[in-house]
């Protein structure tokens, strides 16, 4: 896992059950919110989903046009 992926996952874990705004995530990683950063963010989220795919209790949900939410089923 890369440092960027770890930072994104940490932000999602800290806010588990709540939507983390995509702009907030981009500012955290790249200190900017632009189309290039947004495409990169989507790629890193895809990688996180790949890492988490074996645990059915964890979901990384896209809140279309807003951001992402990590959910954990009990």
C-alpha atoms as a PDB file:
ATOM      1  CA  UNK A   1       0.000   0.000   0.000  1.00  0.00           C
ATOM      2  CA  UNK A   2       1.332   3.418  -0.918  1.00  0.00           C
ATOM      3  CA  UNK A   3       1.546   6.420   1.399  1.00  0.00           C
ATOM      4  CA  UNK A   4      -1.277   8.129  -0.522  1.00  0.00           C
ATOM      5  CA  UNK A   5      -3.518   5.080  -0.178  1.00  0.00           C
ATOM      6  CA  UNK A   6      -2.720   4.899   3.536  1.00  0.00           C
ATOM      7  CA  UNK A   7      -3.593   8.592   4.050  1.00  0.00           C
ATOM      8  CA  UNK A   8      -6.892   8.170   2.202  1.00  0.00           C
ATOM      9  CA  UNK A   9      -7.769   5.029   4.147  1.00  0.00           C
ATOM     10  CA  UNK A  10      -6.926   6.744   7.441  1.00  0.00           C
ATOM     11  CA  UNK A  11      -9.238   9.656   6.577  1.00  0.00           C
ATOM     12  CA  UNK A  12     -12.027   7.216   5.696  1.00  0.00           C
ATOM     13  CA  UNK A  13     -11.508   5.223   8.909  1.00  0.00           C
ATOM     14  CA  UNK A  14     -11.540   8.361  11.072  1.00  0.00           C
ATOM     15  CA  UNK A  15     -14.869   9.256   9.446  1.00  0.00           C
ATOM     16  CA  UNK A  16     -16.332   5.733   9.203  1.00  0.00           C
ATOM     17  CA  UNK A  17     -20.060   5.880   8.501  1.00  0.00           C
ATOM     18  CA  UNK A  18     -19.848   9.452   7.223  1.00  0.00           C
ATOM     19  CA  UNK A  19     -19.183  10.788   3.747  1.00  0.00           C
ATOM     20  CA  UNK A  20     -15.747  12.328   3.278  1.00  0.00           C
ATOM     21  CA  UNK A  21     -15.917  15.070   0.674  1.00  0.00           C
ATOM     22  CA  UNK A  22     -13.750  14.373  -2.383  1.00  0.00           C
ATOM     23  CA  UNK A  23     -12.402  17.931  -2.250  1.00  0.00           C
ATOM     24  CA  UNK A  24     -11.254  17.355   1.333  1.00  0.00           C
ATOM     25  CA  UNK A  25      -9.419  14.202   0.289  1.00  0.00           C
ATOM     26  CA  UNK A  26      -7.721  15.952  -2.634  1.00  0.00           C
ATOM     27  CA  UNK A  27      -6.645  18.856  -0.427  1.00  0.00           C
ATOM     28  CA  UNK A  28      -5.231  16.352   2.080  1.00  0.00           C
ATOM     29  CA  UNK A  29      -3.123  14.588  -0.544  1.00  0.00           C
ATOM     30  CA  UNK A  30      -2.328  17.133  -3.270  1.00  0.00           C
ATOM     31  CA  UNK A  31      -3.262  20.490  -1.669  1.00  0.00           C
ATOM     32  CA  UNK A  32      -5.543  21.226  -4.624  1.00  0.00           C
ATOM     33  CA  UNK A  33      -8.891  20.259  -6.150  1.00  0.00           C
ATOM     34  CA  UNK A  34      -8.712  20.003  -9.916  1.00  0.00           C
ATOM     35  CA  UNK A  35      -9.814  17.499 -12.596  1.00  0.00           C
ATOM     36  CA  UNK A  36      -6.403  15.769 -12.664  1.00  0.00           C
ATOM     37  CA  UNK A  37      -6.477  15.278  -8.892  1.00  0.00           C
ATOM     38  CA  UNK A  38     -10.048  14.009  -9.065  1.00  0.00           C
ATOM     39  CA  UNK A  39      -9.078  11.349 -11.627  1.00  0.00           C
ATOM     40  CA  UNK A  40      -6.120  10.332  -9.467  1.00  0.00           C
ATOM     41  CA  UNK A  41      -8.385  10.108  -6.416  1.00  0.00           C
ATOM     42  CA  UNK A  42     -10.746   7.768  -8.259  1.00  0.00           C
ATOM     43  CA  UNK A  43      -7.769   5.560  -9.147  1.00  0.00           C
ATOM     44  CA  UNK A  44      -6.578   5.381  -5.555  1.00  0.00           C
ATOM     45  CA  UNK A  45     -10.098   4.598  -4.319  1.00  0.00           C
ATOM     46  CA  UNK A  46     -10.241   1.772  -6.876  1.00  0.00           C
ATOM     47  CA  UNK A  47      -6.997   0.367  -5.416  1.00  0.00           C
ATOM     48  CA  UNK A  48      -8.381   0.615  -1.868  1.00  0.00           C
ATOM     49  CA  UNK A  49     -11.487  -1.307  -2.938  1.00  0.00           C
ATOM     50  CA  UNK A  50      -9.209  -3.956  -4.417  1.00  0.00           C
ATOM     51  CA  UNK A  51      -7.336  -4.320  -1.104  1.00  0.00           C
ATOM     52  CA  UNK A  52     -10.562  -4.500   0.908  1.00  0.00           C
ATOM     53  CA  UNK A  53     -12.493  -6.818  -1.416  1.00  0.00           C
ATOM     54  CA  UNK A  54     -11.937  -9.982   0.655  1.00  0.00           C
ATOM     55  CA  UNK A  55     -13.727  -8.628   3.753  1.00  0.00           C
ATOM     56  CA  UNK A  56     -17.453  -8.604   3.000  1.00  0.00           C
ATOM     57  CA  UNK A  57     -18.172  -6.531   6.120  1.00  0.00           C
ATOM     58  CA  UNK A  58     -16.311  -3.504   4.699  1.00  0.00           C
ATOM     59  CA  UNK A  59     -17.725  -1.323   1.919  1.00  0.00           C
ATOM     60  CA  UNK A  60     -16.289   1.769   0.284  1.00  0.00           C
ATOM     61  CA  UNK A  61     -19.298   3.610  -1.115  1.00  0.00           C
ATOM     62  CA  UNK A  62     -19.213   6.339  -3.743  1.00  0.00           C
ATOM     63  CA  UNK A  63     -21.509   9.220  -2.801  1.00  0.00           C
ATOM     64  CA  UNK A  64     -21.799  10.423  -6.396  1.00  0.00           C
ATOM     65  CA  UNK A  65     -20.719  14.026  -6.831  1.00  0.00           C
ATOM     66  CA  UNK A  66     -19.848  14.360  -3.149  1.00  0.00           C
ATOM     67  CA  UNK A  67     -17.215  11.907  -1.925  1.00  0.00           C
ATOM     68  CA  UNK A  68     -16.745   8.487  -0.367  1.00  0.00           C
ATOM     69  CA  UNK A  69     -17.967   6.667   2.726  1.00  0.00           C
ATOM     70  CA  UNK A  70     -16.423   3.670   4.472  1.00  0.00           C
ATOM     71  CA  UNK A  71     -18.964   1.399   6.144  1.00  0.00           C
ATOM     72  CA  UNK A  72     -18.346  -1.585   8.384  1.00  0.00           C
ATOM     73  CA  UNK A  73     -21.083  -4.108   9.130  1.00  0.00           C
ATOM     74  CA  UNK A  74     -21.154  -5.499  12.659  1.00  0.00           C
END
